[in-house]
Amino acid sequence: MARKSNTPAPGGHKPGGHRPGGHRPGGKKPAWVVERERGRDGQPERVWLFGLHAVRDALVNPARQRFRLIVTRNAADRLAEAIAAAGIAPELADARRFPAPLDPQSVHQGAALEVAPLDWGSVSELCAPQGAAPRVVLLDRVTDPHNVGAVLRSAEVFGARAVIAPHRHSAPETGALAKTASGALERQPYLRVPNLAGAMQALDQMGYLIVGLDGAAGQTLEQALAGTAEVPVALALGAEGPGLRELTRKTCHRLARIPAAGGFGSLNVSNAAAVSLYAARGGAGG
């Protein structure tokens, strides 16, 4: 019998003090910005979101704690309704001298919003079946924010209850992740837990079938998901290359592969998540 998980709620960091000022030429953040943003478990205490979609959805999310909005005149016009709904006074800026401390390669589209990370609660609170047959995604050492952002978009589209990743060796909530998620970060729970195996044990106790994606597995995803339409399912995916860690593999109830028609049989983790969620939505037709 799996042991009961004592997984605490992720996030919940209190915002640090704010200090005005821009960033150094060339995009490098000054030391005080780095220090202020350095939070526990790799998650900054404050995050700069950027891009029209990410900023708009964060402005209208009542759960978001917002501190500072920087926009160009054009972006302010395009975000006027969301800005009014948020009740925040924007700072107008020149696009050529945009003062938000962003990476120079960030495509900000004239909008940047400083926020506190979201606190979604705990695994037990969010993932309890409660008479339904929810789907959950587990990410094992997926560190690329663009991959995680894409997974969040797929998770929202296919109705996943949550995306769960460990504190260490996973992508924290960042502007790049939010932009790739294209607003899904504001609506799709992204839980970063102290111990992924502990979260898996908690899901096991709640009646979840945990299916790990493994290219060398003996059964296909369709076979592993047969007859699971009424069963809570958690899909575990590892980073490209190393895949699932040994402990994660051992904690899964079943291992499955996505069959490939050609010789190149490897999918990007975000694509694999989309395929798996689609298959799991109806119990693979079972």
C-alpha atoms as a PDB file:
ATOM      1  CA  MET A   1       0.000   0.000   0.000  1.00  0.00           C
ATOM      2  CA  ALA A   2       1.433   3.373  -0.895  1.00  0.00           C
ATOM      3  CA  ARG A   3       2.276   5.631   1.981  1.00  0.00           C
ATOM      4  CA  LYS A   4       0.229   8.734   2.521  1.00  0.00           C
ATOM      5  CA  SER A   5       1.802  11.806   0.960  1.00  0.00           C
ATOM      6  CA  ASN A   6       2.494  14.863   3.075  1.00  0.00           C
ATOM      7  CA  THR A   7       3.022  17.021  -0.004  1.00  0.00           C
ATOM      8  CA  PRO A   8       2.541  20.687   0.924  1.00  0.00           C
ATOM      9  CA  ALA A   9       0.997  23.238  -1.374  1.00  0.00           C
ATOM     10  CA  PRO A  10       3.474  24.694  -3.851  1.00  0.00           C
ATOM     11  CA  GLY A  11       4.106  28.384  -4.216  1.00  0.00           C
ATOM     12  CA  GLY A  12       2.759  30.667  -1.568  1.00  0.00           C
ATOM     13  CA  HIS A  13       5.871  32.820  -1.464  1.00  0.00           C
ATOM     14  CA  LYS A  14       5.388  36.272  -0.078  1.00  0.00           C
ATOM     15  CA  PRO A  15       6.465  39.007  -2.439  1.00  0.00           C
ATOM     16  CA  GLY A  16       9.677  40.792  -1.565  1.00  0.00           C
ATOM     17  CA  GLY A  17      10.185  44.518  -1.396  1.00  0.00           C
ATOM     18  CA  HIS A  18      10.058  46.403  -4.659  1.00  0.00           C
ATOM     19  CA  ARG A  19      12.862  48.657  -5.769  1.00  0.00           C
ATOM     20  CA  PRO A  20      12.517  50.910  -8.807  1.00  0.00           C
ATOM     21  CA  GLY A  21      14.940  51.071 -11.655  1.00  0.00           C
ATOM     22  CA  GLY A  22      15.736  49.497 -14.990  1.00  0.00           C
ATOM     23  CA  HIS A  23      18.306  46.921 -16.025  1.00  0.00           C
ATOM     24  CA  ARG A  24      21.851  47.206 -17.215  1.00  0.00           C
ATOM     25  CA  PRO A  25      22.627  47.766 -20.890  1.00  0.00           C
ATOM     26  CA  GLY A  26      22.630  44.529 -22.831  1.00  0.00           C
ATOM     27  CA  GLY A  27      19.779  43.036 -20.795  1.00  0.00           C
ATOM     28  CA  LYS A  28      21.776  41.746 -17.793  1.00  0.00           C
ATOM     29  CA  LYS A  29      19.807  42.112 -14.586  1.00  0.00           C
ATOM     30  CA  PRO A  30      21.451  44.095 -11.780  1.00  0.00           C
ATOM     31  CA  ALA A  31      22.351  42.244  -8.590  1.00  0.00           C
ATOM     32  CA  TRP A  32      19.406  43.592  -6.589  1.00  0.00           C
ATOM     33  CA  VAL A  33      16.933  42.248  -9.165  1.00  0.00           C
ATOM     34  CA  VAL A  34      18.532  38.805  -9.104  1.00  0.00           C
ATOM     35  CA  GLU A  35      18.575  38.763  -5.305  1.00  0.00           C
ATOM     36  CA  ARG A  36      14.979  39.894  -5.011  1.00  0.00           C
ATOM     37  CA  GLU A  37      13.771  37.343  -7.537  1.00  0.00           C
ATOM     38  CA  ARG A  38      15.663  34.439  -5.991  1.00  0.00           C
ATOM     39  CA  GLY A  39      12.996  32.412  -4.213  1.00  0.00           C
ATOM     40  CA  ARG A  40      12.928  28.988  -2.652  1.00  0.00           C
ATOM     41  CA  ASP A  41      12.976  25.830  -4.752  1.00  0.00           C
ATOM     42  CA  GLY A  42      14.086  27.680  -7.864  1.00  0.00           C
ATOM     43  CA  GLN A  43      10.911  29.755  -8.121  1.00  0.00           C
ATOM     44  CA  PRO A  44      11.423  33.544  -8.141  1.00  0.00           C
ATOM     45  CA  GLU A  45       9.335  35.475  -5.637  1.00  0.00           C
ATOM     46  CA  ARG A  46       8.310  37.799  -8.440  1.00  0.00           C
ATOM     47  CA  VAL A  47       8.041  37.069 -12.137  1.00  0.00           C
ATOM     48  CA  TRP A  48       7.900  39.301 -15.200  1.00  0.00           C
ATOM     49  CA  LEU A  49       5.306  38.063 -17.670  1.00  0.00           C
ATOM     50  CA  PHE A  50       5.482  39.428 -21.196  1.00  0.00           C
ATOM     51  CA  GLY A  51       3.588  39.249 -24.462  1.00  0.00           C
ATOM     52  CA  LEU A  52       0.029  40.394 -25.142  1.00  0.00           C
ATOM     53  CA  HIS A  53      -1.707  37.044 -24.497  1.00  0.00           C
ATOM     54  CA  ALA A  54       0.171  36.245 -21.289  1.00  0.00           C
ATOM     55  CA  VAL A  55      -0.229  39.761 -19.881  1.00  0.00           C
ATOM     56  CA  ARG A  56      -3.890  40.050 -20.844  1.00  0.00           C
ATOM     57  CA  ASP A  57      -4.838  36.768 -19.180  1.00  0.00           C
ATOM     58  CA  ALA A  58      -2.841  37.614 -16.053  1.00  0.00           C
ATOM     59  CA  LEU A  59      -4.589  40.986 -15.825  1.00  0.00           C
ATOM     60  CA  VAL A  60      -8.037  39.393 -15.823  1.00  0.00           C
ATOM     61  CA  ASN A  61      -7.091  36.532 -13.484  1.00  0.00           C
ATOM     62  CA  PRO A  62      -8.470  37.448 -10.028  1.00  0.00           C
ATOM     63  CA  ALA A  63      -6.015  35.019  -8.398  1.00  0.00           C
ATOM     64  CA  ARG A  64      -2.999  36.970  -9.699  1.00  0.00           C
ATOM     65  CA  GLN A  65      -1.158  39.353  -7.403  1.00  0.00           C
ATOM     66  CA  ARG A  66       0.096  42.149  -9.673  1.00  0.00           C
ATOM     67  CA  PHE A  67       2.710  44.793  -8.925  1.00  0.00           C
ATOM     68  CA  ARG A  68       3.807  46.698 -12.012  1.00  0.00           C
ATOM     69  CA  LEU A  69       2.589  46.978 -15.610  1.00  0.00           C
ATOM     70  CA  ILE A  70       4.775  48.444 -18.349  1.00  0.00           C
ATOM     71  CA  VAL A  71       3.241  48.959 -21.795  1.00  0.00           C
ATOM     72  CA  THR A  72       3.815  50.864 -24.984  1.00  0.00           C
ATOM     73  CA  ARG A  73       1.019  53.119 -26.205  1.00  0.00           C
ATOM     74  CA  ASN A  74      -0.014  50.551 -28.819  1.00  0.00           C
ATOM     75  CA  ALA A  75      -0.066  47.706 -26.268  1.00  0.00           C
ATOM     76  CA  ALA A  76      -2.016  49.895 -23.823  1.00  0.00           C
ATOM     77  CA  ASP A  77      -4.687  50.427 -26.455  1.00  0.00           C
ATOM     78  CA  ARG A  78      -4.882  46.714 -27.233  1.00  0.00           C
ATOM     79  CA  LEU A  79      -5.045  45.791 -23.533  1.00  0.00           C
ATOM     80  CA  ALA A  80      -7.329  48.657 -22.491  1.00  0.00           C
ATOM     81  CA  GLU A  81     -10.231  46.450 -21.400  1.00  0.00           C
ATOM     82  CA  ALA A  82      -8.025  44.087 -19.368  1.00  0.00           C
ATOM     83  CA  ILE A  83      -6.147  46.999 -17.775  1.00  0.00           C
ATOM     84  CA  ALA A  84      -9.418  48.585 -16.705  1.00  0.00           C
ATOM     85  CA  ALA A  85     -10.650  45.276 -15.278  1.00  0.00           C
ATOM     86  CA  ALA A  86      -7.442  44.832 -13.271  1.00  0.00           C
ATOM     87  CA  GLY A  87      -7.579  48.370 -11.879  1.00  0.00           C
ATOM     88  CA  ILE A  88      -3.830  48.830 -12.313  1.00  0.00           C
ATOM     89  CA  ALA A  89      -2.159  52.031 -13.473  1.00  0.00           C
ATOM     90  CA  PRO A  90       0.150  51.243 -16.402  1.00  0.00           C
ATOM     91  CA  GLU A  91       3.544  52.825 -16.982  1.00  0.00           C
ATOM     92  CA  LEU A  92       3.866  53.974 -20.579  1.00  0.00           C
ATOM     93  CA  ALA A  93       7.227  53.238 -22.189  1.00  0.00           C
ATOM     94  CA  ASP A  94       9.024  53.606 -25.499  1.00  0.00           C
ATOM     95  CA  ALA A  95       9.398  50.243 -27.262  1.00  0.00           C
ATOM     96  CA  ARG A  96      13.010  51.118 -28.121  1.00  0.00           C
ATOM     97  CA  ARG A  97      13.890  51.710 -24.449  1.00  0.00           C
ATOM     98  CA  PHE A  98      11.611  49.199 -22.756  1.00  0.00           C
ATOM     99  CA  PRO A  99      12.536  49.310 -19.032  1.00  0.00           C
ATOM    100  CA  ALA A 100      11.270  45.919 -17.847  1.00  0.00           C
ATOM    101  CA  PRO A 101      14.173  43.610 -16.810  1.00  0.00           C
ATOM    102  CA  LEU A 102      13.647  41.059 -19.583  1.00  0.00           C
ATOM    103  CA  ASP A 103      16.065  39.021 -21.623  1.00  0.00           C
ATOM    104  CA  PRO A 104      16.946  40.981 -24.784  1.00  0.00           C
ATOM    105  CA  GLN A 105      15.585  38.123 -26.901  1.00  0.00           C
ATOM    106  CA  SER A 106      12.152  38.260 -25.250  1.00  0.00           C
ATOM    107  CA  VAL A 107       9.381  39.132 -27.696  1.00  0.00           C
ATOM    108  CA  HIS A 108       7.418  41.298 -25.285  1.00  0.00           C
ATOM    109  CA  GLN A 109       5.095  42.936 -27.855  1.00  0.00           C
ATOM    110  CA  GLY A 110       5.179  46.091 -25.786  1.00  0.00           C
ATOM    111  CA  ALA A 111       3.704  44.582 -22.620  1.00  0.00           C
ATOM    112  CA  ALA A 112       5.294  43.320 -19.390  1.00  0.00           C
ATOM    113  CA  LEU A 113       3.646  42.624 -16.050  1.00  0.00           C
ATOM    114  CA  GLU A 114       5.383  41.930 -12.730  1.00  0.00           C
ATOM    115  CA  VAL A 115       3.463  39.373 -10.673  1.00  0.00           C
ATOM    116  CA  ALA A 116       3.747  36.903  -7.809  1.00  0.00           C
ATOM    117  CA  PRO A 117       3.725  33.202  -8.778  1.00  0.00           C
ATOM    118  CA  LEU A 118       0.364  31.487  -8.555  1.00  0.00           C
ATOM    119  CA  ASP A 119      -0.447  29.203  -5.629  1.00  0.00           C
ATOM    120  CA  TRP A 120      -2.749  26.438  -6.840  1.00  0.00           C
ATOM    121  CA  GLY A 121      -2.932  24.465  -3.603  1.00  0.00           C
ATOM    122  CA  SER A 122      -1.987  20.834  -3.005  1.00  0.00           C
ATOM    123  CA  VAL A 123      -2.149  17.622  -5.005  1.00  0.00           C
ATOM    124  CA  SER A 124      -4.822  16.198  -2.694  1.00  0.00           C
ATOM    125  CA  GLU A 125      -6.976  19.316  -3.034  1.00  0.00           C
ATOM    126  CA  LEU A 126      -6.798  19.547  -6.811  1.00  0.00           C
ATOM    127  CA  CYS A 127      -6.654  15.926  -7.891  1.00  0.00           C
ATOM    128  CA  ALA A 128      -9.206  14.192  -5.659  1.00  0.00           C
ATOM    129  CA  PRO A 129     -11.492  12.350  -8.134  1.00  0.00           C
ATOM    130  CA  GLN A 130     -14.749  13.357  -6.385  1.00  0.00           C
ATOM    131  CA  GLY A 131     -16.856  11.040  -8.505  1.00  0.00           C
ATOM    132  CA  ALA A 132     -15.157  11.969 -11.796  1.00  0.00           C
ATOM    133  CA  ALA A 133     -12.353  10.289 -13.744  1.00  0.00           C
ATOM    134  CA  PRO A 134      -9.799  13.097 -14.023  1.00  0.00           C
ATOM    135  CA  ARG A 135      -6.580  13.142 -16.044  1.00  0.00           C
ATOM    136  CA  VAL A 136      -3.306  14.443 -14.601  1.00  0.00           C
ATOM    137  CA  VAL A 137       0.111  14.989 -16.186  1.00  0.00           C
ATOM    138  CA  LEU A 138       3.355  14.252 -14.323  1.00  0.00           C
ATOM    139  CA  LEU A 139       6.567  15.790 -15.678  1.00  0.00           C
ATOM    140  CA  ASP A 140       9.825  14.205 -14.577  1.00  0.00           C
ATOM    141  CA  ARG A 141      12.816  16.564 -14.984  1.00  0.00           C
ATOM    142  CA  VAL A 142      11.330  18.573 -17.857  1.00  0.00           C
ATOM    143  CA  THR A 143      13.285  21.814 -17.516  1.00  0.00           C
ATOM    144  CA  ASP A 144      12.633  23.629 -20.800  1.00  0.00           C
ATOM    145  CA  PRO A 145      10.028  26.368 -20.124  1.00  0.00           C
ATOM    146  CA  HIS A 146       8.840  26.233 -23.729  1.00  0.00           C
ATOM    147  CA  ASN A 147       8.087  22.509 -23.419  1.00  0.00           C
ATOM    148  CA  VAL A 148       6.267  22.998 -20.119  1.00  0.00           C
ATOM    149  CA  GLY A 149       4.306  25.931 -21.535  1.00  0.00           C
ATOM    150  CA  ALA A 150       3.220  23.790 -24.485  1.00  0.00           C
ATOM    151  CA  VAL A 151       2.222  20.956 -22.124  1.00  0.00           C
ATOM    152  CA  LEU A 152       0.074  23.395 -20.140  1.00  0.00           C
ATOM    153  CA  ARG A 153      -1.729  24.432 -23.331  1.00  0.00           C
ATOM    154  CA  SER A 154      -2.463  20.797 -24.189  1.00  0.00           C
ATOM    155  CA  ALA A 155      -3.506  20.042 -20.609  1.00  0.00           C
ATOM    156  CA  GLU A 156      -6.022  22.875 -20.723  1.00  0.00           C
ATOM    157  CA  VAL A 157      -7.375  21.840 -24.128  1.00  0.00           C
ATOM    158  CA  PHE A 158      -7.909  18.226 -23.045  1.00  0.00           C
ATOM    159  CA  GLY A 159      -9.232  19.060 -19.580  1.00  0.00           C
ATOM    160  CA  ALA A 160      -6.423  17.788 -17.345  1.00  0.00           C
ATOM    161  CA  ARG A 161      -6.901  18.423 -13.653  1.00  0.00           C
ATOM    162  CA  ALA A 162      -3.273  19.460 -13.111  1.00  0.00           C
ATOM    163  CA  VAL A 163       0.285  19.321 -14.395  1.00  0.00           C
ATOM    164  CA  ILE A 164       2.664  18.208 -11.631  1.00  0.00           C
ATOM    165  CA  ALA A 165       6.461  18.539 -11.564  1.00  0.00           C
ATOM    166  CA  PRO A 166       9.169  18.387  -8.876  1.00  0.00           C
ATOM    167  CA  HIS A 167      10.616  21.558  -7.354  1.00  0.00           C
ATOM    168  CA  ARG A 168      14.095  20.602  -8.497  1.00  0.00           C
ATOM    169  CA  HIS A 169      14.979  19.953 -12.128  1.00  0.00           C
ATOM    170  CA  SER A 170      11.767  21.402 -13.538  1.00  0.00           C
ATOM    171  CA  ALA A 171      10.833  24.670 -15.211  1.00  0.00           C
ATOM    172  CA  PRO A 172       9.645  27.311 -12.735  1.00  0.00           C
ATOM    173  CA  GLU A 173       6.947  29.815 -13.587  1.00  0.00           C
ATOM    174  CA  THR A 174       8.655  32.361 -15.850  1.00  0.00           C
ATOM    175  CA  GLY A 175       7.783  34.829 -18.563  1.00  0.00           C
ATOM    176  CA  ALA A 176       9.014  32.456 -21.273  1.00  0.00           C
ATOM    177  CA  LEU A 177       6.855  29.635 -19.924  1.00  0.00           C
ATOM    178  CA  ALA A 178       3.815  31.908 -19.666  1.00  0.00           C
ATOM    179  CA  LYS A 179       4.234  33.218 -23.204  1.00  0.00           C
ATOM    180  CA  THR A 180       4.493  29.711 -24.649  1.00  0.00           C
ATOM    181  CA  ALA A 181       1.440  28.660 -22.621  1.00  0.00           C
ATOM    182  CA  SER A 182      -0.431  31.568 -24.282  1.00  0.00           C
ATOM    183  CA  GLY A 183      -2.649  32.210 -21.272  1.00  0.00           C
ATOM    184  CA  ALA A 184      -3.033  28.603 -20.107  1.00  0.00           C
ATOM    185  CA  LEU A 185      -0.768  29.285 -17.113  1.00  0.00           C
ATOM    186  CA  GLU A 186      -3.559  31.421 -15.618  1.00  0.00           C
ATOM    187  CA  ARG A 187      -6.136  28.642 -15.880  1.00  0.00           C
ATOM    188  CA  GLN A 188      -4.296  25.309 -15.879  1.00  0.00           C
ATOM    189  CA  PRO A 189      -2.922  24.291 -12.454  1.00  0.00           C
ATOM    190  CA  TYR A 190       0.862  23.807 -12.494  1.00  0.00           C
ATOM    191  CA  LEU A 191       1.986  22.219  -9.229  1.00  0.00           C
ATOM    192  CA  ARG A 192       5.658  21.946  -8.324  1.00  0.00           C
ATOM    193  CA  VAL A 193       6.024  19.500  -5.450  1.00  0.00           C
ATOM    194  CA  PRO A 194       8.967  18.603  -3.186  1.00  0.00           C
ATOM    195  CA  ASN A 195       8.947  14.956  -4.273  1.00  0.00           C
ATOM    196  CA  LEU A 196       7.415  13.569  -7.470  1.00  0.00           C
ATOM    197  CA  ALA A 197       7.336   9.988  -6.166  1.00  0.00           C
ATOM    198  CA  GLY A 198       5.445  11.214  -3.103  1.00  0.00           C
ATOM    199  CA  ALA A 199       2.878  12.927  -5.319  1.00  0.00           C
ATOM    200  CA  MET A 200       2.550   9.708  -7.334  1.00  0.00           C
ATOM    201  CA  GLN A 201       1.926   7.735  -4.154  1.00  0.00           C
ATOM    202  CA  ALA A 202      -0.778  10.232  -3.179  1.00  0.00           C
ATOM    203  CA  LEU A 203      -2.398   9.781  -6.593  1.00  0.00           C
ATOM    204  CA  ASP A 204      -2.192   6.003  -6.162  1.00  0.00           C
ATOM    205  CA  GLN A 205      -4.043   6.267  -2.858  1.00  0.00           C
ATOM    206  CA  MET A 206      -6.733   8.330  -4.587  1.00  0.00           C
ATOM    207  CA  GLY A 207      -7.270   5.519  -7.094  1.00  0.00           C
ATOM    208  CA  TYR A 208      -5.306   6.809 -10.069  1.00  0.00           C
ATOM    209  CA  LEU A 209      -3.841   4.486 -12.660  1.00  0.00           C
ATOM    210  CA  ILE A 210      -0.344   5.859 -13.349  1.00  0.00           C
ATOM    211  CA  VAL A 211       0.889   5.236 -16.885  1.00  0.00           C
ATOM    212  CA  GLY A 212       4.499   6.083 -17.686  1.00  0.00           C
ATOM    213  CA  LEU A 213       5.538   6.881 -21.258  1.00  0.00           C
ATOM    214  CA  ASP A 214       8.541   4.808 -22.279  1.00  0.00           C
ATOM    215  CA  GLY A 215       9.678   4.209 -25.851  1.00  0.00           C
ATOM    216  CA  ALA A 216      10.876   0.706 -24.979  1.00  0.00           C
ATOM    217  CA  ALA A 217       7.670  -0.406 -23.235  1.00  0.00           C
ATOM    218  CA  GLY A 218       6.111  -3.673 -24.294  1.00  0.00           C
ATOM    219  CA  GLN A 219       2.581  -2.363 -24.694  1.00  0.00           C
ATOM    220  CA  THR A 220       1.244   0.570 -26.654  1.00  0.00           C
ATOM    221  CA  LEU A 221      -0.503   3.544 -25.095  1.00  0.00           C
ATOM    222  CA  GLU A 222      -3.804   2.352 -26.543  1.00  0.00           C
ATOM    223  CA  GLN A 223      -3.361  -1.028 -24.850  1.00  0.00           C
ATOM    224  CA  ALA A 224      -2.362   0.521 -21.530  1.00  0.00           C
ATOM    225  CA  LEU A 225      -5.395   2.831 -21.514  1.00  0.00           C
ATOM    226  CA  ALA A 226      -7.977   0.277 -22.662  1.00  0.00           C
ATOM    227  CA  GLY A 227     -11.023   0.320 -20.411  1.00  0.00           C
ATOM    228  CA  THR A 228      -9.944   3.349 -18.380  1.00  0.00           C
ATOM    229  CA  ALA A 229     -12.718   5.746 -19.409  1.00  0.00           C
ATOM    230  CA  GLU A 230     -14.115   5.706 -15.865  1.00  0.00           C
ATOM    231  CA  VAL A 231     -10.739   5.466 -14.091  1.00  0.00           C
ATOM    232  CA  PRO A 232      -8.608   8.428 -12.911  1.00  0.00           C
ATOM    233  CA  VAL A 233      -5.404   8.404 -14.977  1.00  0.00           C
ATOM    234  CA  ALA A 234      -2.044  10.095 -14.435  1.00  0.00           C
ATOM    235  CA  LEU A 235       0.348  10.241 -17.382  1.00  0.00           C
ATOM    236  CA  ALA A 236       4.053  10.406 -16.494  1.00  0.00           C
ATOM    237  CA  LEU A 237       6.474  11.843 -19.052  1.00  0.00           C
ATOM    238  CA  GLY A 238      10.214  12.296 -18.759  1.00  0.00           C
ATOM    239  CA  ALA A 239      12.696  14.650 -20.335  1.00  0.00           C
ATOM    240  CA  GLU A 240      13.864  13.919 -23.851  1.00  0.00           C
ATOM    241  CA  GLY A 241      16.930  11.740 -23.794  1.00  0.00           C
ATOM    242  CA  PRO A 242      17.036  10.355 -20.242  1.00  0.00           C
ATOM    243  CA  GLY A 243      13.288   9.784 -20.035  1.00  0.00           C
ATOM    244  CA  LEU A 244      11.741   8.740 -16.736  1.00  0.00           C
ATOM    245  CA  ARG A 245      13.993   8.250 -13.727  1.00  0.00           C
ATOM    246  CA  GLU A 246      14.198   4.725 -12.314  1.00  0.00           C
ATOM    247  CA  LEU A 247      12.141   5.557  -9.205  1.00  0.00           C
ATOM    248  CA  THR A 248       9.472   7.224 -11.340  1.00  0.00           C
ATOM    249  CA  ARG A 249       9.337   4.171 -13.609  1.00  0.00           C
ATOM    250  CA  LYS A 250       8.981   1.831 -10.636  1.00  0.00           C
ATOM    251  CA  THR A 251       6.178   3.940  -9.165  1.00  0.00           C
ATOM    252  CA  CYS A 252       4.127   3.738 -12.376  1.00  0.00           C
ATOM    253  CA  HIS A 253       1.503   0.997 -12.596  1.00  0.00           C
ATOM    254  CA  ARG A 254       2.019   0.534 -16.330  1.00  0.00           C
ATOM    255  CA  LEU A 255       4.565   1.587 -18.926  1.00  0.00           C
ATOM    256  CA  ALA A 256       3.474   2.321 -22.471  1.00  0.00           C
ATOM    257  CA  ARG A 257       4.888   3.568 -25.739  1.00  0.00           C
ATOM    258  CA  ILE A 258       3.430   5.739 -28.461  1.00  0.00           C
ATOM    259  CA  PRO A 259       3.806   3.567 -31.567  1.00  0.00           C
ATOM    260  CA  ALA A 260       5.664   5.102 -34.488  1.00  0.00           C
ATOM    261  CA  ALA A 261       5.031   4.343 -38.138  1.00  0.00           C
ATOM    262  CA  GLY A 262       8.547   5.206 -39.277  1.00  0.00           C
ATOM    263  CA  GLY A 263      12.086   4.606 -38.130  1.00  0.00           C
ATOM    264  CA  PHE A 264      12.237   7.872 -36.186  1.00  0.00           C
ATOM    265  CA  GLY A 265      10.155   7.002 -33.149  1.00  0.00           C
ATOM    266  CA  SER A 266      10.738   9.885 -30.736  1.00  0.00           C
ATOM    267  CA  LEU A 267       8.339  12.752 -30.029  1.00  0.00           C
ATOM    268  CA  ASN A 268       9.055  16.035 -28.308  1.00  0.00           C
ATOM    269  CA  VAL A 269       7.743  15.767 -24.736  1.00  0.00           C
ATOM    270  CA  SER A 270       5.077  18.411 -25.322  1.00  0.00           C
ATOM    271  CA  ASN A 271       3.834  16.567 -28.430  1.00  0.00           C
ATOM    272  CA  ALA A 272       3.876  13.290 -26.524  1.00  0.00           C
ATOM    273  CA  ALA A 273       1.795  14.909 -23.785  1.00  0.00           C
ATOM    274  CA  ALA A 274      -0.793  16.115 -26.310  1.00  0.00           C
ATOM    275  CA  VAL A 275      -1.055  12.651 -27.931  1.00  0.00           C
ATOM    276  CA  SER A 276      -1.295  10.943 -24.539  1.00  0.00           C
ATOM    277  CA  LEU A 277      -3.944  13.313 -23.212  1.00  0.00           C
ATOM    278  CA  TYR A 278      -6.027  12.853 -26.331  1.00  0.00           C
ATOM    279  CA  ALA A 279      -5.778   9.078 -26.004  1.00  0.00           C
ATOM    280  CA  ALA A 280      -6.591   9.163 -22.287  1.00  0.00           C
ATOM    281  CA  ARG A 281      -9.567  11.464 -22.683  1.00  0.00           C
ATOM    282  CA  GLY A 282     -11.799   8.606 -23.784  1.00  0.00           C
ATOM    283  CA  GLY A 283      -9.914   5.682 -22.291  1.00  0.00           C
ATOM    284  CA  ALA A 284      -8.382   4.995 -25.726  1.00  0.00           C
ATOM    285  CA  GLY A 285     -11.771   4.031 -27.023  1.00  0.00           C
ATOM    286  CA  GLY A 286     -12.110   1.370 -24.347  1.00  0.00           C
END
